[in-house]
Amino acid sequence: MTWPTPRRNGTTTVEPDGTASAREQHRQRVIEAAADLLERAGRDAVTTRAVADAAGLQPPAIYRLFGDKDGLLEAVAEYGFAKFVAGKHVDPDPADLIEDLRAGWDLAVEFGLSNPALYTLMYSEPAGTKSAAFQAGLKILRGRVRRLAAGGWLRVDEQLAAGIIHATGRGAVLTWLSLPEADRDPALLTTLREAMVTAVTNEQPAVQDTGPAGAARALRATLPDETTLTTAEQHLLREWLDRLAADH
């Protein structure tokens, strides 16, 4: 008799009846058990025996699934990034780009404060930041920054803006968690957020009309003050900008 061949769905093996393989089920159960143990009792409590007991498996199963405890912790870190990305709501066309920036920053910080042990692990495991889930989160952030740039709101280049947004959010969470509870003033988070907004955005959009034509008109208006270009370079650039500006 010929048995149906299991198929692949992403990185998960799926059996003919549509269910994930037993190995993948066990792996996910172990990761969730470890994440729960981490949040309830801290990183020191995440031993292979404790996790195996919580997942209803024998300790050797941890080694078969993850190689060692470090492999398990890396998997939990990736699980954390996936959980964070899954909770993000992305508005492809927000009415207010600055408020969208604030909301995204607040969401990232709120996740860290709600999952302190998991968040700390996520950024202490080098492999975590190389995961597909982390890269998906970065893609969302870069998309938000790109919309700011296209709208003329960005004060700095896109790569630097993304770095500032990410660093201030991460720094806010880790600083907050390092403080005694009596010293945790919500004004700290608000002040850091507004400092981030000031650092990466303009008070008014530099480009009044979105799109290449608006950007070209804004850049063309600043050319007389440009001193780094030669006269010939300015003339050539103005020609290109005239063409773009005329393309309504």
C-alpha atoms as a PDB file:
ATOM      1  CA  MET A   1       0.000   0.000   0.000  1.00  0.00           C
ATOM      2  CA  THR A   2       1.306   3.483  -0.840  1.00  0.00           C
ATOM      3  CA  TRP A   3       1.015   5.994   1.976  1.00  0.00           C
ATOM      4  CA  PRO A   4       0.316   9.677   1.173  1.00  0.00           C
ATOM      5  CA  THR A   5       3.449  11.802   1.386  1.00  0.00           C
ATOM      6  CA  PRO A   6       3.495  14.563   4.040  1.00  0.00           C
ATOM      7  CA  ARG A   7       3.767  18.032   2.483  1.00  0.00           C
ATOM      8  CA  ARG A   8       5.659  21.112   3.637  1.00  0.00           C
ATOM      9  CA  ASN A   9       3.854  24.258   4.704  1.00  0.00           C
ATOM     10  CA  GLY A  10       6.511  26.919   5.284  1.00  0.00           C
ATOM     11  CA  THR A  11       8.882  25.296   7.770  1.00  0.00           C
ATOM     12  CA  THR A  12       6.277  22.919   9.221  1.00  0.00           C
ATOM     13  CA  THR A  13       5.712  19.390   8.031  1.00  0.00           C
ATOM     14  CA  VAL A  14       2.015  18.772   7.444  1.00  0.00           C
ATOM     15  CA  GLU A  15       0.548  15.281   7.384  1.00  0.00           C
ATOM     16  CA  PRO A  16      -2.080  14.210   4.806  1.00  0.00           C
ATOM     17  CA  ASP A  17      -4.924  14.980   7.233  1.00  0.00           C
ATOM     18  CA  GLY A  18      -3.722  18.614   7.488  1.00  0.00           C
ATOM     19  CA  THR A  19      -2.314  18.427  11.003  1.00  0.00           C
ATOM     20  CA  ALA A  20       1.241  19.428  11.870  1.00  0.00           C
ATOM     21  CA  SER A  21       3.622  16.569  12.481  1.00  0.00           C
ATOM     22  CA  ALA A  22       4.062  15.241  16.008  1.00  0.00           C
ATOM     23  CA  ARG A  23       7.606  16.626  16.074  1.00  0.00           C
ATOM     24  CA  GLU A  24       6.423  20.133  15.255  1.00  0.00           C
ATOM     25  CA  GLN A  25       3.624  19.876  17.786  1.00  0.00           C
ATOM     26  CA  HIS A  26       6.074  18.786  20.470  1.00  0.00           C
ATOM     27  CA  ARG A  27       8.476  21.578  19.500  1.00  0.00           C
ATOM     28  CA  GLN A  28       5.790  24.254  19.749  1.00  0.00           C
ATOM     29  CA  ARG A  29       4.551  22.830  23.047  1.00  0.00           C
ATOM     30  CA  VAL A  30       8.064  22.961  24.504  1.00  0.00           C
ATOM     31  CA  ILE A  31       8.622  26.561  23.309  1.00  0.00           C
ATOM     32  CA  GLU A  32       5.335  27.735  24.808  1.00  0.00           C
ATOM     33  CA  ALA A  33       6.041  25.912  28.064  1.00  0.00           C
ATOM     34  CA  ALA A  34       9.503  27.489  28.256  1.00  0.00           C
ATOM     35  CA  ALA A  35       8.111  30.959  27.513  1.00  0.00           C
ATOM     36  CA  ASP A  36       5.467  30.550  30.221  1.00  0.00           C
ATOM     37  CA  LEU A  37       8.056  29.313  32.727  1.00  0.00           C
ATOM     38  CA  LEU A  38      10.338  32.213  31.795  1.00  0.00           C
ATOM     39  CA  GLU A  39       7.664  34.821  32.500  1.00  0.00           C
ATOM     40  CA  ARG A  40       6.472  33.188  35.723  1.00  0.00           C
ATOM     41  CA  ALA A  41       9.778  32.298  37.337  1.00  0.00           C
ATOM     42  CA  GLY A  42      12.614  33.969  35.420  1.00  0.00           C
ATOM     43  CA  ARG A  43      15.401  32.729  33.188  1.00  0.00           C
ATOM     44  CA  ASP A  44      17.137  30.638  35.866  1.00  0.00           C
ATOM     45  CA  ALA A  45      13.999  28.535  36.187  1.00  0.00           C
ATOM     46  CA  VAL A  46      14.137  27.528  32.528  1.00  0.00           C
ATOM     47  CA  THR A  47      16.029  24.255  32.909  1.00  0.00           C
ATOM     48  CA  THR A  48      15.673  21.381  30.482  1.00  0.00           C
ATOM     49  CA  ARG A  49      14.047  19.218  33.172  1.00  0.00           C
ATOM     50  CA  ALA A  50      11.577  21.920  34.263  1.00  0.00           C
ATOM     51  CA  VAL A  51      10.605  22.695  30.674  1.00  0.00           C
ATOM     52  CA  ALA A  52      10.234  19.010  29.811  1.00  0.00           C
ATOM     53  CA  ASP A  53       8.001  18.472  32.856  1.00  0.00           C
ATOM     54  CA  ALA A  54       5.873  21.496  31.941  1.00  0.00           C
ATOM     55  CA  ALA A  55       5.513  20.263  28.364  1.00  0.00           C
ATOM     56  CA  GLY A  56       4.751  16.681  29.446  1.00  0.00           C
ATOM     57  CA  LEU A  57       7.867  15.244  27.784  1.00  0.00           C
ATOM     58  CA  GLN A  58      11.074  13.540  28.867  1.00  0.00           C
ATOM     59  CA  PRO A  59      14.256  15.729  29.107  1.00  0.00           C
ATOM     60  CA  PRO A  60      15.996  13.921  26.212  1.00  0.00           C
ATOM     61  CA  ALA A  61      13.239  15.262  23.948  1.00  0.00           C
ATOM     62  CA  ILE A  62      14.576  18.796  24.488  1.00  0.00           C
ATOM     63  CA  TYR A  63      17.959  17.781  23.092  1.00  0.00           C
ATOM     64  CA  ARG A  64      16.412  15.980  20.133  1.00  0.00           C
ATOM     65  CA  LEU A  65      14.310  19.036  19.258  1.00  0.00           C
ATOM     66  CA  PHE A  66      16.724  21.904  20.007  1.00  0.00           C
ATOM     67  CA  GLY A  67      20.208  20.431  20.392  1.00  0.00           C
ATOM     68  CA  ASP A  68      20.772  21.967  23.825  1.00  0.00           C
ATOM     69  CA  LYS A  69      19.395  24.566  26.217  1.00  0.00           C
ATOM     70  CA  ASP A  70      20.895  27.423  24.190  1.00  0.00           C
ATOM     71  CA  GLY A  71      19.039  26.163  21.137  1.00  0.00           C
ATOM     72  CA  LEU A  72      15.821  26.152  23.143  1.00  0.00           C
ATOM     73  CA  LEU A  73      16.362  29.717  24.363  1.00  0.00           C
ATOM     74  CA  GLU A  74      17.039  30.878  20.804  1.00  0.00           C
ATOM     75  CA  ALA A  75      13.766  29.285  19.724  1.00  0.00           C
ATOM     76  CA  VAL A  76      11.930  31.041  22.581  1.00  0.00           C
ATOM     77  CA  ALA A  77      13.473  34.357  21.524  1.00  0.00           C
ATOM     78  CA  GLU A  78      12.233  33.838  17.965  1.00  0.00           C
ATOM     79  CA  TYR A  79       8.820  32.917  19.375  1.00  0.00           C
ATOM     80  CA  GLY A  80       8.842  36.272  21.196  1.00  0.00           C
ATOM     81  CA  PHE A  81       9.516  38.217  17.993  1.00  0.00           C
ATOM     82  CA  ALA A  82       6.787  36.257  16.185  1.00  0.00           C
ATOM     83  CA  LYS A  83       4.332  37.012  19.004  1.00  0.00           C
ATOM     84  CA  PHE A  84       5.214  40.711  18.824  1.00  0.00           C
ATOM     85  CA  VAL A  85       4.811  40.912  15.034  1.00  0.00           C
ATOM     86  CA  ALA A  86       1.498  39.029  15.197  1.00  0.00           C
ATOM     87  CA  GLY A  87       0.149  41.696  17.543  1.00  0.00           C
ATOM     88  CA  LYS A  88       1.053  44.594  15.266  1.00  0.00           C
ATOM     89  CA  HIS A  89      -1.693  46.348  13.346  1.00  0.00           C
ATOM     90  CA  VAL A  90      -0.335  47.959  10.214  1.00  0.00           C
ATOM     91  CA  ASP A  91      -2.349  50.753   8.611  1.00  0.00           C
ATOM     92  CA  PRO A  92      -1.025  51.074   5.036  1.00  0.00           C
ATOM     93  CA  ASP A  93      -2.457  54.582   4.714  1.00  0.00           C
ATOM     94  CA  PRO A  94      -2.680  56.278   8.134  1.00  0.00           C
ATOM     95  CA  ALA A  95      -4.459  59.634   8.301  1.00  0.00           C
ATOM     96  CA  ASP A  96      -1.723  61.091  10.539  1.00  0.00           C
ATOM     97  CA  LEU A  97       1.804  59.806   9.936  1.00  0.00           C
ATOM     98  CA  ILE A  98       3.232  61.292  13.146  1.00  0.00           C
ATOM     99  CA  GLU A  99       0.503  59.765  15.296  1.00  0.00           C
ATOM    100  CA  ASP A 100       1.076  56.473  13.479  1.00  0.00           C
ATOM    101  CA  LEU A 101       4.753  56.708  14.461  1.00  0.00           C
ATOM    102  CA  ARG A 102       3.821  57.354  18.091  1.00  0.00           C
ATOM    103  CA  ALA A 103       1.333  54.481  18.115  1.00  0.00           C
ATOM    104  CA  GLY A 104       3.893  52.056  16.678  1.00  0.00           C
ATOM    105  CA  TRP A 105       6.492  53.089  19.255  1.00  0.00           C
ATOM    106  CA  ASP A 106       3.963  52.796  22.096  1.00  0.00           C
ATOM    107  CA  LEU A 107       2.960  49.317  20.905  1.00  0.00           C
ATOM    108  CA  ALA A 108       6.572  48.125  20.902  1.00  0.00           C
ATOM    109  CA  VAL A 109       7.207  49.512  24.371  1.00  0.00           C
ATOM    110  CA  GLU A 110       3.945  48.117  25.726  1.00  0.00           C
ATOM    111  CA  PHE A 111       4.888  44.650  24.476  1.00  0.00           C
ATOM    112  CA  GLY A 112       8.212  44.847  26.307  1.00  0.00           C
ATOM    113  CA  LEU A 113       6.639  46.020  29.551  1.00  0.00           C
ATOM    114  CA  SER A 114       3.954  43.324  29.367  1.00  0.00           C
ATOM    115  CA  ASN A 115       6.493  40.552  28.647  1.00  0.00           C
ATOM    116  CA  PRO A 116       9.612  41.659  30.561  1.00  0.00           C
ATOM    117  CA  ALA A 117      11.463  38.351  30.827  1.00  0.00           C
ATOM    118  CA  LEU A 118      10.652  37.343  27.253  1.00  0.00           C
ATOM    119  CA  TYR A 119      11.647  40.774  25.918  1.00  0.00           C
ATOM    120  CA  THR A 120      14.967  40.690  27.755  1.00  0.00           C
ATOM    121  CA  LEU A 121      15.671  37.233  26.350  1.00  0.00           C
ATOM    122  CA  MET A 122      14.748  38.344  22.826  1.00  0.00           C
ATOM    123  CA  TYR A 123      17.507  40.941  22.825  1.00  0.00           C
ATOM    124  CA  SER A 124      20.089  38.864  24.685  1.00  0.00           C
ATOM    125  CA  GLU A 125      20.087  35.983  22.191  1.00  0.00           C
ATOM    126  CA  PRO A 126      22.106  36.985  19.074  1.00  0.00           C
ATOM    127  CA  ALA A 127      20.289  34.472  16.878  1.00  0.00           C
ATOM    128  CA  GLY A 128      16.948  36.066  17.768  1.00  0.00           C
ATOM    129  CA  THR A 129      17.649  39.236  15.817  1.00  0.00           C
ATOM    130  CA  LYS A 130      18.484  37.156  12.750  1.00  0.00           C
ATOM    131  CA  SER A 131      15.163  35.364  12.777  1.00  0.00           C
ATOM    132  CA  ALA A 132      12.506  35.744  10.112  1.00  0.00           C
ATOM    133  CA  ALA A 133      10.111  37.181  12.694  1.00  0.00           C
ATOM    134  CA  PHE A 134      12.569  39.901  13.714  1.00  0.00           C
ATOM    135  CA  GLN A 135      13.172  40.779  10.065  1.00  0.00           C
ATOM    136  CA  ALA A 136       9.396  40.963   9.539  1.00  0.00           C
ATOM    137  CA  GLY A 137       9.193  43.451  12.401  1.00  0.00           C
ATOM    138  CA  LEU A 138      11.969  45.528  10.855  1.00  0.00           C
ATOM    139  CA  LYS A 139      10.119  45.500   7.545  1.00  0.00           C
ATOM    140  CA  ILE A 140       7.060  46.988   9.246  1.00  0.00           C
ATOM    141  CA  LEU A 141       9.214  49.685  10.874  1.00  0.00           C
ATOM    142  CA  ARG A 142      10.950  50.524   7.597  1.00  0.00           C
ATOM    143  CA  GLY A 143       7.580  50.787   5.886  1.00  0.00           C
ATOM    144  CA  ARG A 144       6.462  53.308   8.490  1.00  0.00           C
ATOM    145  CA  VAL A 145       9.685  55.285   8.008  1.00  0.00           C
ATOM    146  CA  ARG A 146       9.322  55.165   4.219  1.00  0.00           C
ATOM    147  CA  ARG A 147       5.833  56.696   4.474  1.00  0.00           C
ATOM    148  CA  LEU A 148       7.234  59.502   6.632  1.00  0.00           C
ATOM    149  CA  ALA A 149       9.975  60.140   4.086  1.00  0.00           C
ATOM    150  CA  ALA A 150       7.537  60.146   1.166  1.00  0.00           C
ATOM    151  CA  GLY A 151       5.356  62.645   3.012  1.00  0.00           C
ATOM    152  CA  GLY A 152       8.285  64.991   3.606  1.00  0.00           C
ATOM    153  CA  TRP A 153       8.217  64.527   7.383  1.00  0.00           C
ATOM    154  CA  LEU A 154      11.584  62.832   7.852  1.00  0.00           C
ATOM    155  CA  ARG A 155      14.386  64.981   9.302  1.00  0.00           C
ATOM    156  CA  VAL A 156      17.149  62.370   8.859  1.00  0.00           C
ATOM    157  CA  ASP A 157      17.794  59.593   6.348  1.00  0.00           C
ATOM    158  CA  GLU A 158      15.621  56.503   6.526  1.00  0.00           C
ATOM    159  CA  GLN A 159      18.228  54.095   7.900  1.00  0.00           C
ATOM    160  CA  LEU A 160      19.163  56.456  10.728  1.00  0.00           C
ATOM    161  CA  ALA A 161      15.496  57.139  11.506  1.00  0.00           C
ATOM    162  CA  ALA A 162      14.741  53.418  11.786  1.00  0.00           C
ATOM    163  CA  GLY A 163      17.769  52.975  14.055  1.00  0.00           C
ATOM    164  CA  ILE A 164      16.685  55.839  16.343  1.00  0.00           C
ATOM    165  CA  ILE A 165      13.108  54.577  16.593  1.00  0.00           C
ATOM    166  CA  HIS A 166      14.201  51.030  17.381  1.00  0.00           C
ATOM    167  CA  ALA A 167      16.955  52.043  19.809  1.00  0.00           C
ATOM    168  CA  THR A 168      14.798  54.464  21.801  1.00  0.00           C
ATOM    169  CA  GLY A 169      11.983  51.926  22.139  1.00  0.00           C
ATOM    170  CA  ARG A 170      14.317  49.152  23.215  1.00  0.00           C
ATOM    171  CA  GLY A 171      16.212  51.489  25.539  1.00  0.00           C
ATOM    172  CA  ALA A 172      12.983  52.738  27.093  1.00  0.00           C
ATOM    173  CA  VAL A 173      11.852  49.209  27.939  1.00  0.00           C
ATOM    174  CA  LEU A 174      15.180  48.015  29.339  1.00  0.00           C
ATOM    175  CA  THR A 175      15.669  51.215  31.346  1.00  0.00           C
ATOM    176  CA  TRP A 176      12.155  50.965  32.792  1.00  0.00           C
ATOM    177  CA  LEU A 177      12.663  47.326  33.758  1.00  0.00           C
ATOM    178  CA  SER A 178      15.976  48.146  35.459  1.00  0.00           C
ATOM    179  CA  LEU A 179      14.364  50.707  37.769  1.00  0.00           C
ATOM    180  CA  PRO A 180      12.868  49.929  41.178  1.00  0.00           C
ATOM    181  CA  GLU A 181       9.075  49.981  40.914  1.00  0.00           C
ATOM    182  CA  ALA A 182       8.893  53.092  43.094  1.00  0.00           C
ATOM    183  CA  ASP A 183      11.034  54.998  40.575  1.00  0.00           C
ATOM    184  CA  ARG A 184       9.067  54.063  37.462  1.00  0.00           C
ATOM    185  CA  ASP A 185       7.576  57.349  36.297  1.00  0.00           C
ATOM    186  CA  PRO A 186       5.382  57.102  33.148  1.00  0.00           C
ATOM    187  CA  ALA A 187       6.686  60.541  32.168  1.00  0.00           C
ATOM    188  CA  LEU A 188       9.993  58.846  31.342  1.00  0.00           C
ATOM    189  CA  LEU A 189       8.379  56.862  28.532  1.00  0.00           C
ATOM    190  CA  THR A 190       6.430  59.837  27.183  1.00  0.00           C
ATOM    191  CA  THR A 191       9.532  62.042  27.224  1.00  0.00           C
ATOM    192  CA  LEU A 192      11.627  59.428  25.419  1.00  0.00           C
ATOM    193  CA  ARG A 193       8.938  58.962  22.808  1.00  0.00           C
ATOM    194  CA  GLU A 194       8.631  62.677  22.116  1.00  0.00           C
ATOM    195  CA  ALA A 195      12.431  63.029  21.974  1.00  0.00           C
ATOM    196  CA  MET A 196      12.405  60.295  19.331  1.00  0.00           C
ATOM    197  CA  VAL A 197       9.671  62.076  17.340  1.00  0.00           C
ATOM    198  CA  THR A 198      11.610  65.357  17.484  1.00  0.00           C
ATOM    199  CA  ALA A 199      14.843  63.649  16.430  1.00  0.00           C
ATOM    200  CA  VAL A 200      13.446  61.978  13.316  1.00  0.00           C
ATOM    201  CA  THR A 201      10.653  64.242  12.055  1.00  0.00           C
ATOM    202  CA  ASN A 202      10.073  67.824  10.978  1.00  0.00           C
ATOM    203  CA  GLU A 203       7.434  70.020  12.610  1.00  0.00           C
ATOM    204  CA  GLN A 204       5.913  70.564   9.180  1.00  0.00           C
ATOM    205  CA  PRO A 205       6.313  68.405   6.066  1.00  0.00           C
ATOM    206  CA  ALA A 206       9.120  69.578   3.815  1.00  0.00           C
ATOM    207  CA  VAL A 207       7.053  68.336   0.875  1.00  0.00           C
ATOM    208  CA  GLN A 208       3.540  69.733   0.696  1.00  0.00           C
ATOM    209  CA  ASP A 209       2.411  67.392  -2.094  1.00  0.00           C
ATOM    210  CA  THR A 210       3.176  63.690  -1.752  1.00  0.00           C
ATOM    211  CA  GLY A 211       4.820  61.769  -4.566  1.00  0.00           C
ATOM    212  CA  PRO A 212       7.825  62.433  -6.819  1.00  0.00           C
ATOM    213  CA  ALA A 213       6.414  65.700  -8.237  1.00  0.00           C
ATOM    214  CA  GLY A 214       5.998  67.268  -4.803  1.00  0.00           C
ATOM    215  CA  ALA A 215       9.421  66.095  -3.689  1.00  0.00           C
ATOM    216  CA  ALA A 216      10.992  67.462  -6.869  1.00  0.00           C
ATOM    217  CA  ARG A 217       9.379  70.885  -6.354  1.00  0.00           C
ATOM    218  CA  ALA A 218      10.584  71.007  -2.737  1.00  0.00           C
ATOM    219  CA  LEU A 219      14.150  70.072  -3.709  1.00  0.00           C
ATOM    220  CA  ARG A 220      14.148  72.489  -6.651  1.00  0.00           C
ATOM    221  CA  ALA A 221      13.228  75.334  -4.299  1.00  0.00           C
ATOM    222  CA  THR A 222      16.356  74.732  -2.198  1.00  0.00           C
ATOM    223  CA  LEU A 223      18.817  74.601  -5.115  1.00  0.00           C
ATOM    224  CA  PRO A 224      19.809  78.292  -4.968  1.00  0.00           C
ATOM    225  CA  ASP A 225      21.170  77.683  -1.440  1.00  0.00           C
ATOM    226  CA  GLU A 226      23.063  74.534  -2.458  1.00  0.00           C
ATOM    227  CA  THR A 227      26.844  75.031  -2.378  1.00  0.00           C
ATOM    228  CA  THR A 228      28.160  71.481  -2.707  1.00  0.00           C
ATOM    229  CA  LEU A 229      27.208  71.191  -6.388  1.00  0.00           C
ATOM    230  CA  THR A 230      28.962  72.878  -9.263  1.00  0.00           C
ATOM    231  CA  THR A 231      27.039  75.185 -11.591  1.00  0.00           C
ATOM    232  CA  ALA A 232      26.915  72.458 -14.237  1.00  0.00           C
ATOM    233  CA  GLU A 233      25.674  69.889 -11.718  1.00  0.00           C
ATOM    234  CA  GLN A 234      22.996  72.264 -10.480  1.00  0.00           C
ATOM    235  CA  HIS A 235      21.858  72.903 -14.045  1.00  0.00           C
ATOM    236  CA  LEU A 236      21.612  69.165 -14.779  1.00  0.00           C
ATOM    237  CA  LEU A 237      19.792  68.455 -11.532  1.00  0.00           C
ATOM    238  CA  ARG A 238      17.346  71.298 -12.148  1.00  0.00           C
ATOM    239  CA  GLU A 239      16.579  69.806 -15.566  1.00  0.00           C
ATOM    240  CA  TRP A 240      15.733  66.451 -13.991  1.00  0.00           C
ATOM    241  CA  LEU A 241      13.682  68.076 -11.237  1.00  0.00           C
ATOM    242  CA  ASP A 242      11.738  70.144 -13.778  1.00  0.00           C
ATOM    243  CA  ARG A 243      10.740  66.954 -15.557  1.00  0.00           C
ATOM    244  CA  LEU A 244       9.649  65.256 -12.346  1.00  0.00           C
ATOM    245  CA  ALA A 245       7.803  68.346 -11.104  1.00  0.00           C
ATOM    246  CA  ALA A 246       5.863  68.549 -14.351  1.00  0.00           C
ATOM    247  CA  ASP A 247       4.751  64.915 -14.060  1.00  0.00           C
ATOM    248  CA  HIS A 248       1.436  65.371 -12.221  1.00  0.00           C
END
